[in-house]
Amino acid sequence: MDAFRLGSFALGQDDAVHVFLLGKGVECESLDTEHFAVTKAL
């Protein structure tokens, strides 16, 4: 999740951001739990 926070900050600074997901990161949208809404955090 830290990579997404960094990317969000960089976008706020008008920088270009590219995110490449590997492994379980590719499935990040399906990782929502009762205690943590991953998709909302993205």
Protein backbone atom coordinates (compact mmCIF):
# COMPACT_ATOMS: atom_id res chain seq x y z
CA MET A 1 0.00 0.00 0.00
CA ASP A 2 2.93 2.34 0.53
CA ALA A 3 3.58 2.34 -3.21
CA PHE A 4 0.05 3.60 -3.83
CA ARG A 5 0.50 6.33 -1.22
CA LEU A 6 3.73 7.42 -2.88
CA GLY A 7 2.04 7.36 -6.28
CA SER A 8 -0.87 9.41 -4.98
CA PHE A 9 1.52 11.97 -3.51
CA ALA A 10 3.49 12.14 -6.77
CA LEU A 11 0.28 12.72 -8.73
CA GLY A 12 -0.51 15.58 -6.37
CA GLN A 13 2.86 17.08 -7.31
CA ASP A 14 1.95 16.83 -11.03
CA ASP A 15 4.43 14.01 -11.62
CA ALA A 16 3.72 11.11 -13.99
CA VAL A 17 3.04 7.82 -12.22
CA HIS A 18 3.02 4.26 -13.58
CA VAL A 19 2.16 1.30 -11.36
CA PHE A 20 3.17 -2.24 -12.28
CA LEU A 21 1.57 -4.92 -10.13
CA LEU A 22 3.23 -8.28 -9.52
CA GLY A 23 2.15 -11.43 -7.69
CA LYS A 24 -0.75 -10.88 -5.31
CA GLY A 25 -0.74 -7.18 -6.19
CA VAL A 26 -2.43 -8.10 -9.46
CA GLU A 27 -5.41 -9.30 -7.41
CA CYS A 28 -5.52 -6.22 -5.16
CA GLU A 29 -9.12 -5.41 -6.05
CA SER A 30 -10.25 -8.79 -4.69
CA LEU A 31 -8.45 -8.45 -1.34
CA ASP A 32 -11.17 -6.47 0.49
CA THR A 33 -11.90 -7.73 3.99
CA GLU A 34 -14.40 -6.81 6.66
CA HIS A 35 -11.74 -4.71 8.41
CA PHE A 36 -9.90 -3.18 5.45
CA ALA A 37 -11.39 -1.98 2.18
CA VAL A 38 -8.46 -2.27 -0.21
CA THR A 39 -10.35 -0.94 -3.23
CA LYS A 40 -11.46 2.13 -1.29
CA ALA A 41 -7.86 2.78 -0.23
CA LEU A 42 -6.69 2.53 -3.83
